[in-house]
C-alpha cells in the first residue's frame, strides 16, 4: 500500500517534457511511481484539473533566523516552495561566537531589515558552530533547507574585529579554510560572499576586506566538495559586474565549482545592464565556466514608515542614523528644527520631490483614510509643503505610523524580462524571503512567473517554467534527490491550478516576534504541498507535519 497517491492531475515532472494525465504515488517519503498508478493508498489527493509538479526551490532567502521559530518559513510553502536556501549575502547565524552575535545581528538588521525582536525574543542561542545551528533548526522543519555559510561570519570567527580592518594573513586564510570544511561537513551547501553590503555603522561587512587570494583559497575548499559560491556583486555598475563575472568564471574553472551572483536587474536607468551581463555569462560558459546570474521575476515594491529604518533611505546616511535611534530619540530628532533642516538639505533643492514625490500613502493604523492611495507629491501640494517636509510632518502627526509604498524598484516588467527569464543560463531566484520583513515585497516569485510570463506574456511554456524552478535549480545547486517527479527521489510535490496561480497584493501579516507585523504576498492557486511525502500545506492551511530536512 502506498502512503499517498496524487490522482488524476496533469503531471509536469520538472524535466521540461510535455505534461501528461497521470498519478504520482508516494511511499516512505519517496516518489514510488509516476503514470497510471493502480493500488490503494492511505491518503488519496484528487488533482483533477490541476498541475502536479515537483516542489519549487527558492535559491536566495534569508530565513536563517525565522527558521528557529517558524519551521515552515511562512509564507514560502503556500507559494509551492518546498526547499529554501538561506545564508546568502555573506551572512549566516553560524559559525558565530557568542561575543560576535551583536555585530552580526546588526548586519542582519542593516542589510536585511530584520527587526531586533527577531533575534531577542523568539529563540534561545544554543550554538556557536554550524552543526549546532543545524541541530537548532532541525527540531521543527516543515520545509527543506539547503543552507549556505556566510563568508563574513567565517572571517569574523577567525579574525575577530580585525575582520573589518585588514586583509587576512596566510595563517588566518588557512584557518578559514579549515572552518569552511567543518561547515560543509555539517551540511552547508556552499559559501556566500558580498562585495557591496554595509554593517549598521556604515562600514563594509567583513567579506569586503578579503583579498583575491583569500577568496581563491576558500573556493579551493568548495572545489573539494563540489559546492556553490554565491556572490552579491556591485549590481549598480555594469562594468564592475562584468569584472565580477570574469572573476567568478576563473574561480569556477580553476576549482570546478558552480557559482551564482544576484541580483541581476533589467532597469530602465541602465538599459543595457542585464543584456551585457548575460552576454558575458554566455562567453564564460563557452570557456567551460559555470556562472549563473539570478533574476527575480517581479519588480521590488518597498513599503516603509518612519517607525523603523528602511533601505529606502540607504542613500541618505543622516536619515538612516536618525531612524536607527530608539523611538523617543527618533521623535525628538524629527521634531528638532535644526536636525530637520539638515535632513531636508540632504534631499537637494527640490525638497525631496524627485525621491519622495511618487511615494503612495498605503495605510498604517493611524494614517488618515482620505490620504490612502494618494501620492506624496499630491499630499505635499495640498499641504503647501515640499515632499520631504510633508513626509516628516505627516508621520509625526500620526505617531510615525503612516506607511508609504515605493513601487517598481529593480527591474520593471517589460517585454524584455520574459525572454531574459527564459534564457537557458539565467537562474530564477533572489526572492529574499525572510528579509525586509516590514518593507520589501519579497514573496510570490513563483506565482508571478506563471501569471506574468507563462499565461500573459507567453515567454515560456508551463513545462519550461516548472523546470526553471525545480530541476534546473536542483542541478545548479547539486541537490541530487530534488527537483523531479521521478521514482526514488524525494516526494516534494506541489499541486496547483495553472489558470489561477499568482500572488495576491500585499497583505499585513502578524507573525513576527515583538510588534510582529510584516507585509507579505499571499498565494493564489496553490492547493496542496507535500514535503518528503507528508502534506505540509493544503486548502489554505498549514498542517502539523514536520517532514522537512537539511538537504545538500
Protein backbone atom coordinates (compact mmCIF):
# COMPACT_ATOMS: atom_id res chain seq x y z
CA UNK A 1 0.00 0.00 0.00
CA UNK A 2 1.20 3.49 -0.85
CA UNK A 3 1.21 6.28 1.69
CA UNK A 4 -0.20 8.85 -0.74
CA UNK A 5 -1.47 8.85 -4.30
CA UNK A 6 -1.97 12.17 -6.07
CA UNK A 7 -4.54 11.17 -8.70
CA UNK A 8 -5.78 12.50 -12.00
CA UNK A 9 -3.70 15.64 -12.43
CA UNK A 10 -1.57 16.93 -15.29
CA UNK A 11 1.86 15.66 -14.32
CA UNK A 12 4.59 18.18 -15.17
CA UNK A 13 7.59 16.25 -13.93
CA UNK A 14 10.20 19.02 -13.89
CA UNK A 15 12.20 17.74 -16.85
CA UNK A 16 10.69 20.21 -19.30
CA UNK A 17 8.87 17.41 -21.14
CA UNK A 18 5.19 17.89 -22.04
CA UNK A 19 2.75 17.32 -19.22
CA UNK A 20 0.50 14.24 -19.21
CA UNK A 21 -2.53 12.98 -17.35
CA UNK A 22 -1.48 10.65 -14.60
CA UNK A 23 -0.87 9.89 -10.97
CA UNK A 24 2.04 10.19 -8.55
CA UNK A 25 2.42 7.65 -5.76
CA UNK A 26 4.44 8.17 -2.58
CA UNK A 27 5.93 5.65 -0.18
CA UNK A 28 8.26 6.30 2.78
CA UNK A 29 8.89 9.88 1.79
CA UNK A 30 9.96 8.98 -1.75
CA UNK A 31 8.22 9.01 -5.09
CA UNK A 32 7.27 5.39 -5.73
CA UNK A 33 5.54 5.57 -9.12
CA UNK A 34 4.55 8.09 -11.79
CA UNK A 35 1.98 7.43 -14.53
CA UNK A 36 -1.17 5.34 -14.35
CA UNK A 37 -0.86 4.03 -10.82
CA UNK A 38 -3.02 1.18 -9.59
CA UNK A 39 -3.34 0.12 -6.00
CA UNK A 40 -4.51 1.71 -2.77
CA UNK A 41 -3.13 4.40 -0.52
CA UNK A 42 -3.69 5.64 2.99
CA UNK A 43 -4.40 9.09 1.53
CA UNK A 44 -5.66 9.98 -1.94
CA UNK A 45 -5.40 13.56 -3.21
CA UNK A 46 -7.69 14.43 -6.10
CA UNK A 47 -5.68 16.59 -8.52
CA UNK A 48 -8.28 16.72 -11.28
CA UNK A 49 -7.94 19.92 -13.28
CA UNK A 50 -4.69 20.73 -11.51
CA UNK A 51 -0.99 20.53 -12.29
CA UNK A 52 1.15 18.14 -10.27
CA UNK A 53 4.78 19.27 -10.20
CA UNK A 54 7.95 18.92 -8.13
CA UNK A 55 8.16 21.29 -5.20
CA UNK A 56 9.70 24.64 -6.12
CA UNK A 57 13.19 25.61 -4.91
CA UNK A 58 13.99 29.16 -3.77
CA UNK A 59 17.77 29.76 -4.02
CA UNK A 60 18.07 33.17 -2.40
CA UNK A 61 16.46 33.66 1.00
CA UNK A 62 17.27 34.96 4.47
CA UNK A 63 15.13 32.63 6.55
CA UNK A 64 18.15 31.94 8.83
CA UNK A 65 16.56 33.38 11.96
CA UNK A 66 12.88 32.76 11.09
CA UNK A 67 13.52 29.01 10.84
CA UNK A 68 14.31 28.99 14.56
CA UNK A 69 10.67 29.72 15.44
CA UNK A 70 8.88 29.01 12.15
CA UNK A 71 9.97 25.75 10.57
CA UNK A 72 7.56 26.32 7.67
CA UNK A 73 9.34 29.52 6.57
CA UNK A 74 5.96 31.19 6.09
CA UNK A 75 4.70 32.01 3.56
CA UNK A 76 7.10 30.03 1.32
CA UNK A 77 5.16 26.76 1.46
CA UNK A 78 1.92 28.34 0.32
CA UNK A 79 3.75 29.55 -2.80
CA UNK A 80 4.69 25.95 -3.61
CA UNK A 81 8.24 26.27 -2.34
CA UNK A 82 9.49 23.10 -0.65
CA UNK A 83 13.19 23.95 -0.34
CA UNK A 84 14.83 27.26 0.63
CA UNK A 85 18.46 28.37 0.55
CA UNK A 86 19.25 30.76 3.44
CA UNK A 87 22.66 32.18 4.36
CA UNK A 88 23.06 34.46 1.35
CA UNK A 89 24.90 37.79 1.07
CA UNK A 90 27.83 36.69 3.29
CA UNK A 91 25.60 36.31 6.38
CA UNK A 92 24.56 33.22 8.31
CA UNK A 93 23.92 32.58 12.01
CA UNK A 94 26.84 30.15 12.27
CA UNK A 95 29.68 29.73 12.83
CA UNK A 96 29.30 32.56 15.32
CA UNK A 97 30.97 33.08 18.69
CA UNK A 98 28.77 34.47 21.45
CA UNK A 99 30.92 37.59 21.64
CA UNK A 100 30.25 38.37 17.97
CA UNK A 101 26.48 37.87 17.96
CA UNK A 102 25.64 41.54 18.40
CA UNK A 103 27.81 42.56 15.45
CA UNK A 104 26.21 40.01 13.13
CA UNK A 105 22.69 40.84 14.31
CA UNK A 106 23.46 44.45 13.43
CA UNK A 107 24.50 43.38 9.94
CA UNK A 108 21.25 41.44 9.50
CA UNK A 109 19.29 44.46 10.69
CA UNK A 110 21.10 46.83 8.33
CA UNK A 111 21.27 44.65 5.21
CA UNK A 112 18.09 42.60 5.53
CA UNK A 113 15.97 44.97 7.67
CA UNK A 114 15.15 42.34 10.26
CA UNK A 115 13.58 43.69 13.45
CA UNK A 116 15.63 43.33 16.65
CA UNK A 117 12.82 41.31 18.24
CA UNK A 118 13.51 38.54 15.74
CA UNK A 119 16.85 37.95 17.49
CA UNK A 120 15.94 38.71 21.09
CA UNK A 121 12.51 37.29 21.92
CA UNK A 122 11.84 34.33 19.63
CA UNK A 123 14.56 31.80 20.42
CA UNK A 124 17.47 30.98 22.70
CA UNK A 125 21.01 30.93 21.34
CA UNK A 126 22.26 27.39 21.99
CA UNK A 127 25.04 27.05 19.42
CA UNK A 128 28.21 28.56 18.04
CA UNK A 129 29.28 26.15 15.30
CA UNK A 130 27.41 25.30 12.12
CA UNK A 131 26.47 21.82 13.33
CA UNK A 132 24.83 23.39 16.37
CA UNK A 133 22.80 25.79 14.23
CA UNK A 134 21.68 22.91 12.03
CA UNK A 135 20.54 20.97 15.09
CA UNK A 136 18.61 24.02 16.32
CA UNK A 137 16.57 24.41 13.13
CA UNK A 138 16.09 20.68 12.51
CA UNK A 139 13.85 20.37 15.58
CA UNK A 140 10.78 21.63 13.75
CA UNK A 141 11.23 21.89 10.00
CA UNK A 142 8.18 21.71 7.76
CA UNK A 143 10.23 22.79 4.74
CA UNK A 144 13.57 21.63 3.35
CA UNK A 145 16.62 23.80 3.90
CA UNK A 146 19.87 23.91 1.93
CA UNK A 147 21.88 26.44 3.95
CA UNK A 148 24.85 28.49 2.82
CA UNK A 149 27.53 29.60 5.27
CA UNK A 150 28.46 33.28 5.20
CA UNK A 151 31.97 34.47 4.37
CA UNK A 152 31.61 37.42 6.75
CA UNK A 153 30.95 35.19 9.77
CA UNK A 154 33.79 32.82 8.86
CA UNK A 155 36.11 35.82 8.69
CA UNK A 156 34.79 37.19 11.98
CA UNK A 157 35.27 33.83 13.73
CA UNK A 158 38.91 33.61 12.68
CA UNK A 159 39.97 37.27 12.83
CA UNK A 160 37.70 38.93 15.38
CA UNK A 161 37.39 42.73 14.98
CA UNK A 162 40.30 42.70 12.52
CA UNK A 163 37.91 41.07 10.04
CA UNK A 164 36.65 44.59 9.32
CA UNK A 165 40.06 46.22 9.28
CA UNK A 166 42.54 44.42 7.05
CA UNK A 167 43.49 41.58 4.74
CA UNK A 168 43.97 38.14 6.26
CA UNK A 169 47.37 36.60 6.84
CA UNK A 170 48.27 33.24 5.27
CA UNK A 171 47.72 31.58 8.65
CA UNK A 172 44.28 33.16 9.02
CA UNK A 173 43.33 32.10 5.50
CA UNK A 174 44.32 28.52 6.34
CA UNK A 175 42.17 28.70 9.48
CA UNK A 176 39.23 29.94 7.39
CA UNK A 177 39.70 27.01 5.03
CA UNK A 178 39.55 24.57 7.94
CA UNK A 179 36.46 26.27 9.33
CA UNK A 180 34.75 26.19 5.95
CA UNK A 181 35.43 22.45 5.73
CA UNK A 182 33.75 21.99 9.12
CA UNK A 183 30.69 23.88 7.91
CA UNK A 184 30.49 21.92 4.65
CA UNK A 185 30.81 18.65 6.60
CA UNK A 186 27.95 19.86 8.82
CA UNK A 187 25.61 20.43 5.87
CA UNK A 188 26.38 23.80 4.31
CA UNK A 189 25.54 23.75 0.61
CA UNK A 190 28.21 26.35 -0.16
CA UNK A 191 29.68 29.74 0.72
CA UNK A 192 28.15 33.19 0.24
CA UNK A 193 30.05 36.46 -0.02
CA UNK A 194 29.31 40.10 -0.74
CA UNK A 195 31.15 42.96 -2.41
CA UNK A 196 28.61 45.67 -1.58
CA UNK A 197 26.99 45.37 1.85
CA UNK A 198 27.50 47.57 4.91
CA UNK A 199 27.00 46.97 8.62
CA UNK A 200 24.84 49.09 10.93
CA UNK A 201 27.68 51.59 11.37
CA UNK A 202 28.13 52.11 7.64
CA UNK A 203 31.30 50.02 7.45
CA UNK A 204 31.89 47.35 4.80
CA UNK A 205 30.94 43.87 6.02
CA UNK A 206 33.93 41.57 6.74
CA UNK A 207 33.80 39.75 3.39
CA UNK A 208 34.59 43.01 1.60
CA UNK A 209 38.05 43.13 3.21
CA UNK A 210 39.02 39.80 1.66
CA UNK A 211 41.72 39.89 -0.99
CA UNK A 212 41.62 37.75 -4.13
CA UNK A 213 43.98 35.21 -2.53
CA UNK A 214 41.54 34.62 0.32
CA UNK A 215 38.54 34.06 -1.94
CA UNK A 216 40.61 31.75 -4.15
CA UNK A 217 41.64 29.68 -1.12
CA UNK A 218 38.03 29.34 0.04
CA UNK A 219 36.92 28.45 -3.49
CA UNK A 220 39.55 25.71 -3.48
CA UNK A 221 37.83 24.18 -0.44
CA UNK A 222 34.47 24.43 -2.22
CA UNK A 223 36.14 22.55 -5.07
CA UNK A 224 36.97 19.67 -2.72
CA UNK A 225 33.24 19.26 -2.11
CA UNK A 226 31.82 20.49 -5.43
CA UNK A 227 29.78 23.15 -3.59
CA UNK A 228 28.38 26.56 -4.56
CA UNK A 229 29.89 30.05 -4.32
CA UNK A 230 27.21 32.77 -4.11
CA UNK A 231 28.17 36.41 -4.62
CA UNK A 232 26.48 39.80 -4.35
CA UNK A 233 28.33 41.92 -6.92
CA UNK A 234 28.29 45.68 -7.49
CA UNK A 235 24.96 45.31 -9.33
CA UNK A 236 24.57 49.08 -9.70
CA UNK A 237 27.63 49.30 -12.02
CA UNK A 238 27.58 47.16 -15.16
CA UNK A 239 31.31 47.29 -15.86
CA UNK A 240 32.15 46.14 -12.33
CA UNK A 241 29.51 43.40 -12.51
CA UNK A 242 31.12 42.12 -15.69
CA UNK A 243 34.51 42.12 -13.97
CA UNK A 244 32.96 40.04 -11.16
CA UNK A 245 31.52 37.62 -13.73
CA UNK A 246 35.05 37.17 -15.09
CA UNK A 247 36.41 36.62 -11.58
CA UNK A 248 33.72 34.02 -10.81
CA UNK A 249 34.38 32.30 -14.12
CA UNK A 250 38.08 31.97 -13.31
CA UNK A 251 37.27 30.53 -9.89
CA UNK A 252 34.71 28.17 -11.40
CA UNK A 253 37.16 26.81 -13.97
CA UNK A 254 40.14 26.65 -11.62
CA UNK A 255 38.28 24.81 -8.86
CA UNK A 256 35.47 23.13 -10.84
CA UNK A 257 32.69 24.75 -8.82
CA UNK A 258 29.30 26.27 -9.64
CA UNK A 259 28.98 29.99 -8.93
CA UNK A 260 25.99 32.32 -8.88
CA UNK A 261 25.53 36.05 -8.48
CA UNK A 262 22.48 38.06 -7.54
CA UNK A 263 20.67 40.23 -8.16
CA UNK A 264 20.67 40.96 -11.89
CA UNK A 265 18.22 43.75 -12.70
CA UNK A 266 16.92 44.92 -16.04
CA UNK A 267 16.49 48.57 -15.24
CA UNK A 268 15.48 51.48 -17.43
CA UNK A 269 18.09 53.59 -15.64
CA UNK A 270 20.83 51.40 -17.16
CA UNK A 271 19.03 49.83 -20.12
CA UNK A 272 21.89 47.61 -21.31
CA UNK A 273 22.82 46.29 -17.86
CA UNK A 274 21.20 42.85 -17.99
CA UNK A 275 21.91 42.27 -21.68
CA UNK A 276 25.62 42.98 -21.26
CA UNK A 277 25.88 40.80 -18.16
CA UNK A 278 24.09 37.87 -19.83
CA UNK A 279 26.30 38.23 -22.92
CA UNK A 280 29.42 37.95 -20.73
CA UNK A 281 27.92 34.94 -18.94
CA UNK A 282 27.46 33.28 -22.33
CA UNK A 283 31.11 33.92 -23.17
CA UNK A 284 32.26 32.43 -19.89
CA UNK A 285 30.06 29.35 -20.21
CA UNK A 286 31.65 28.84 -23.64
CA UNK A 287 35.00 28.71 -21.82
CA UNK A 288 33.70 25.98 -19.51
CA UNK A 289 32.77 28.15 -16.54
CA UNK A 290 29.57 27.91 -14.53
CA UNK A 291 28.42 31.41 -13.58
CA UNK A 292 24.67 31.62 -13.05
CA UNK A 293 23.02 35.06 -12.86
CA UNK A 294 19.94 35.17 -10.64
CA UNK A 295 16.97 37.26 -11.77
CA UNK A 296 13.78 37.95 -9.89
CA UNK A 297 10.51 37.53 -11.72
CA UNK A 298 8.93 40.62 -10.19
CA UNK A 299 9.83 44.23 -9.56
CA UNK A 300 10.51 45.13 -5.95
CA UNK A 301 7.96 47.22 -4.10
CA UNK A 302 9.27 48.89 -0.94
CA UNK A 303 6.85 49.61 1.90
CA UNK A 304 8.04 51.64 4.87
CA UNK A 305 7.16 54.04 7.63
CA UNK A 306 9.37 56.12 9.88
CA UNK A 307 8.66 53.66 12.70
CA UNK A 308 11.62 51.59 11.52
CA UNK A 309 14.78 52.03 9.46
CA UNK A 310 14.39 51.20 5.79
CA UNK A 311 16.79 50.53 2.94
CA UNK A 312 14.73 53.06 1.02
CA UNK A 313 16.88 55.71 2.74
CA UNK A 314 20.21 53.98 2.04
CA UNK A 315 21.45 56.99 0.03
CA UNK A 316 20.71 59.35 2.92
CA UNK A 317 23.13 58.50 5.78
CA UNK A 318 21.78 61.18 8.11
CA UNK A 319 18.23 59.81 7.73
CA UNK A 320 19.48 56.28 8.36
CA UNK A 321 21.25 57.34 11.58
CA UNK A 322 18.17 59.13 12.88
CA UNK A 323 15.78 56.31 12.03
CA UNK A 324 18.04 53.83 13.84
CA UNK A 325 17.65 55.69 17.12
CA UNK A 326 15.24 54.47 19.83
CA UNK A 327 11.72 55.75 19.25
CA UNK A 328 11.81 58.59 21.79
CA UNK A 329 15.14 59.89 20.44
CA UNK A 330 13.92 59.49 16.86
CA UNK A 331 10.79 61.54 17.59
CA UNK A 332 12.86 64.23 19.30
CA UNK A 333 15.23 64.42 16.33
CA UNK A 334 12.41 64.66 13.80
CA UNK A 335 10.82 67.47 15.82
CA UNK A 336 14.07 69.38 16.27
CA UNK A 337 14.14 72.31 13.77
CA UNK A 338 17.92 72.22 13.31
CA UNK A 339 18.06 68.47 12.70
CA UNK A 340 15.08 68.61 10.36
CA UNK A 341 16.67 71.44 8.39
CA UNK A 342 19.78 69.31 7.85
CA UNK A 343 17.67 66.30 6.81
CA UNK A 344 15.76 68.37 4.28
CA UNK A 345 19.00 69.89 2.95
CA UNK A 346 20.22 66.34 2.21
CA UNK A 347 17.32 65.99 -0.25
CA UNK A 348 18.58 68.72 -2.56
CA UNK A 349 16.99 71.87 -3.95
CA UNK A 350 13.73 70.16 -4.96
CA UNK A 351 12.88 69.40 -1.33
CA UNK A 352 12.69 65.67 -1.95
CA UNK A 353 10.24 65.75 -4.86
CA UNK A 354 12.39 63.50 -7.06
CA UNK A 355 12.96 60.95 -4.33
CA UNK A 356 9.65 61.08 -2.46
CA UNK A 357 7.08 62.53 -4.85
CA UNK A 358 5.95 59.21 -6.34
CA UNK A 359 5.53 57.52 -2.96
CA UNK A 360 1.98 56.34 -2.35
CA UNK A 361 0.32 56.57 1.07
CA UNK A 362 -0.78 53.00 1.72
CA UNK A 363 -2.12 52.98 5.25
CA UNK A 364 -0.96 52.23 8.76
CA UNK A 365 -3.10 52.20 11.87
CA UNK A 366 -3.01 56.00 12.21
CA UNK A 367 -2.98 57.05 8.57
CA UNK A 368 -5.92 59.32 7.65
CA UNK A 369 -8.13 57.24 5.37
CA UNK A 370 -8.57 60.11 2.92
CA UNK A 371 -4.85 60.03 2.13
CA UNK A 372 -4.61 56.32 1.24
CA UNK A 373 -3.78 55.90 -2.44
CA UNK A 374 -2.57 59.48 -2.93
CA UNK A 375 1.00 60.23 -3.95
CA UNK A 376 3.17 62.18 -1.56
CA UNK A 377 3.50 64.78 -4.31
CA UNK A 378 -0.28 65.33 -4.19
CA UNK A 379 -0.34 65.37 -0.39
CA UNK A 380 2.56 67.82 -0.24
CA UNK A 381 0.90 70.13 -2.77
CA UNK A 382 -2.34 70.13 -0.77
CA UNK A 383 -0.35 70.96 2.37
CA UNK A 384 1.73 73.64 0.63
CA UNK A 385 4.96 71.89 1.60
CA UNK A 386 7.95 70.26 -0.08
CA UNK A 387 7.64 66.48 -0.31
CA UNK A 388 10.34 65.79 2.29
CA UNK A 389 8.78 68.07 4.88
CA UNK A 390 5.32 66.62 4.22
CA UNK A 391 6.72 63.11 4.77
CA UNK A 392 8.18 64.09 8.14
CA UNK A 393 5.27 66.17 9.43
CA UNK A 394 2.54 63.79 8.28
CA UNK A 395 4.40 60.98 10.02
CA UNK A 396 4.82 62.98 13.23
CA UNK A 397 1.13 63.94 13.24
CA UNK A 398 0.23 60.24 13.25
CA UNK A 399 2.79 58.71 15.61
CA UNK A 400 5.03 57.80 12.66
CA UNK A 401 2.51 55.07 11.77
CA UNK A 402 1.92 56.13 8.18
CA UNK A 403 3.08 53.60 5.61
CA UNK A 404 4.30 54.57 2.16
CA UNK A 405 4.83 52.45 -0.95
CA UNK A 406 7.60 52.88 -3.49
CA UNK A 407 6.56 50.68 -6.39
CA UNK A 408 8.55 49.15 -9.20
CA UNK A 409 12.12 49.27 -7.90
CA UNK A 410 14.67 46.96 -9.50
CA UNK A 411 13.71 45.77 -12.94
CA UNK A 412 10.45 46.77 -14.49
CA UNK A 413 8.10 44.26 -16.11
CA UNK A 414 8.68 44.95 -19.78
CA UNK A 415 8.73 42.86 -22.92
CA UNK A 416 12.41 42.27 -22.22
CA UNK A 417 12.06 40.45 -18.91
CA UNK A 418 10.27 37.32 -20.15
CA UNK A 419 12.92 36.36 -22.74
CA UNK A 420 15.64 37.01 -20.18
CA UNK A 421 13.98 34.75 -17.62
CA UNK A 422 13.59 32.08 -20.32
CA UNK A 423 17.29 32.27 -21.22
CA UNK A 424 18.88 28.86 -20.56
CA UNK A 425 21.69 30.38 -18.48
CA UNK A 426 19.52 32.64 -16.31
CA UNK A 427 18.74 31.25 -12.87
CA UNK A 428 15.38 32.33 -11.41
CA UNK A 429 15.83 33.30 -7.80
CA UNK A 430 16.64 36.13 -5.43
CA UNK A 431 13.24 36.22 -3.67
CA UNK A 432 14.92 37.46 -0.46
CA UNK A 433 12.27 35.60 1.53
CA UNK A 434 12.66 36.13 5.26
CA UNK A 435 14.30 39.53 4.81
CA UNK A 436 12.95 43.08 4.65
CA UNK A 437 10.05 41.88 6.74
CA UNK A 438 8.37 45.24 7.13
CA UNK A 439 9.09 46.70 3.73
CA UNK A 440 10.07 44.73 0.64
CA UNK A 441 7.57 42.56 -1.19
CA UNK A 442 9.79 39.50 -1.03
CA UNK A 443 7.41 36.68 -1.86
CA UNK A 444 5.47 35.49 -4.84
CA UNK A 445 8.23 34.92 -7.41
CA UNK A 446 6.77 31.54 -8.31
CA UNK A 447 3.17 32.64 -8.81
CA UNK A 448 4.30 35.75 -10.66
CA UNK A 449 6.38 33.59 -13.01
CA UNK A 450 3.28 31.67 -14.08
CA UNK A 451 0.85 34.59 -14.16
CA UNK A 452 3.05 37.13 -15.94
CA UNK A 453 5.41 35.14 -18.11
CA UNK A 454 3.52 31.91 -18.88
CA UNK A 455 -0.14 32.99 -19.07
CA UNK A 456 0.11 36.67 -20.03
CA UNK A 457 3.37 37.12 -21.94
CA UNK A 458 3.78 33.56 -23.24
CA UNK A 459 7.53 33.91 -22.76
CA UNK A 460 7.85 30.24 -21.83
CA UNK A 461 5.70 27.16 -21.60
CA UNK A 462 4.24 25.87 -18.37
CA UNK A 463 6.64 22.94 -18.52
CA UNK A 464 9.66 25.21 -19.02
CA UNK A 465 8.63 27.45 -16.15
CA UNK A 466 8.29 24.45 -13.83
CA UNK A 467 11.71 23.16 -14.92
CA UNK A 468 13.26 26.56 -14.25
CA UNK A 469 12.34 26.48 -10.56
CA UNK A 470 12.67 22.75 -9.95
CA UNK A 471 15.10 20.51 -11.88
CA UNK A 472 17.28 23.32 -13.21
CA UNK A 473 17.68 24.84 -9.76
CA UNK A 474 18.34 21.43 -8.21
CA UNK A 475 21.00 20.70 -10.82
CA UNK A 476 22.69 24.09 -10.40
CA UNK A 477 22.88 23.63 -6.62
CA UNK A 478 23.73 19.92 -6.67
CA UNK A 479 20.55 18.83 -4.88
CA UNK A 480 20.59 15.38 -6.41
CA UNK A 481 17.37 13.96 -4.93
CA UNK A 482 15.14 17.00 -5.59
CA UNK A 483 13.55 18.79 -8.49
CA UNK A 484 11.89 15.98 -10.46
CA UNK A 485 8.91 13.68 -10.16
CA UNK A 486 10.89 10.52 -10.61
CA UNK A 487 10.76 7.22 -8.69
CA UNK A 488 13.34 7.12 -5.95
CA UNK A 489 13.61 10.87 -5.47
CA UNK A 490 12.25 12.81 -2.50
CA UNK A 491 8.50 13.31 -2.64
CA UNK A 492 8.42 17.10 -2.70
CA UNK A 493 5.23 17.83 -4.66
CA UNK A 494 3.05 20.85 -5.37
CA UNK A 495 -0.49 20.71 -6.75
CA UNK A 496 -1.63 23.97 -8.33
CA UNK A 497 -4.13 25.49 -10.74
CA UNK A 498 -2.26 26.65 -13.85
CA UNK A 499 -5.09 29.06 -14.72
CA UNK A 500 -5.04 30.96 -11.43
CA UNK A 501 -1.64 30.54 -9.75
CA UNK A 502 -0.43 34.01 -8.85
CA UNK A 503 0.42 36.12 -5.87
CA UNK A 504 -2.09 38.42 -4.25
CA UNK A 505 -1.47 42.07 -3.50
CA UNK A 506 0.39 42.73 -0.28
CA UNK A 507 -1.39 41.93 2.95
CA UNK A 508 -0.31 42.68 6.52
CA UNK A 509 0.63 39.51 8.40
CA UNK A 510 1.07 39.50 12.18
CA UNK A 511 3.52 36.68 12.78
CA UNK A 512 6.82 38.31 13.71
CA UNK A 513 8.18 38.47 17.25
CA UNK A 514 7.61 41.68 19.15
CA UNK A 515 5.27 44.05 17.37
CA UNK A 516 5.01 41.37 14.76
CA UNK A 517 3.66 42.91 11.56
CA UNK A 518 5.16 42.46 8.13
CA UNK A 519 3.76 42.88 4.66
CA UNK A 520 3.74 39.79 2.50
CA UNK A 521 2.15 38.46 -0.64
CA UNK A 522 -0.37 35.71 -0.15
CA UNK A 523 -0.52 32.88 -2.64
CA UNK A 524 -3.28 32.11 -5.08
CA UNK A 525 -3.86 28.85 -6.92
CA UNK A 526 -1.65 26.53 -4.84
CA UNK A 527 -3.81 23.72 -3.47
CA UNK A 528 -1.54 21.20 -1.77
CA UNK A 529 2.16 20.94 -0.95
CA UNK A 530 3.93 17.76 0.13
CA UNK A 531 7.38 17.82 1.74
CA UNK A 532 9.18 14.48 1.76
CA UNK A 533 5.86 12.71 1.28
CA UNK A 534 3.88 14.46 4.03
CA UNK A 535 1.19 17.06 3.37
CA UNK A 536 2.56 20.31 4.78
CA UNK A 537 0.03 22.73 3.28
CA UNK A 538 -3.48 22.09 1.98
CA UNK A 539 -6.66 24.04 1.39
CA UNK A 540 -5.16 27.31 2.52
CA UNK A 541 -3.87 25.97 5.83
CA UNK A 542 -0.62 24.64 7.22
CA UNK A 543 -0.58 21.17 8.75
CA UNK A 544 1.36 19.86 11.75
CA UNK A 545 3.74 17.86 9.53
CA UNK A 546 7.41 18.29 10.42
CA UNK A 547 8.91 16.43 7.49
CA UNK A 548 11.47 18.98 6.31
CA UNK A 549 15.17 18.16 6.30
CA UNK A 550 18.51 19.86 5.77
CA UNK A 551 19.48 18.73 2.30
CA UNK A 552 22.74 19.09 0.43
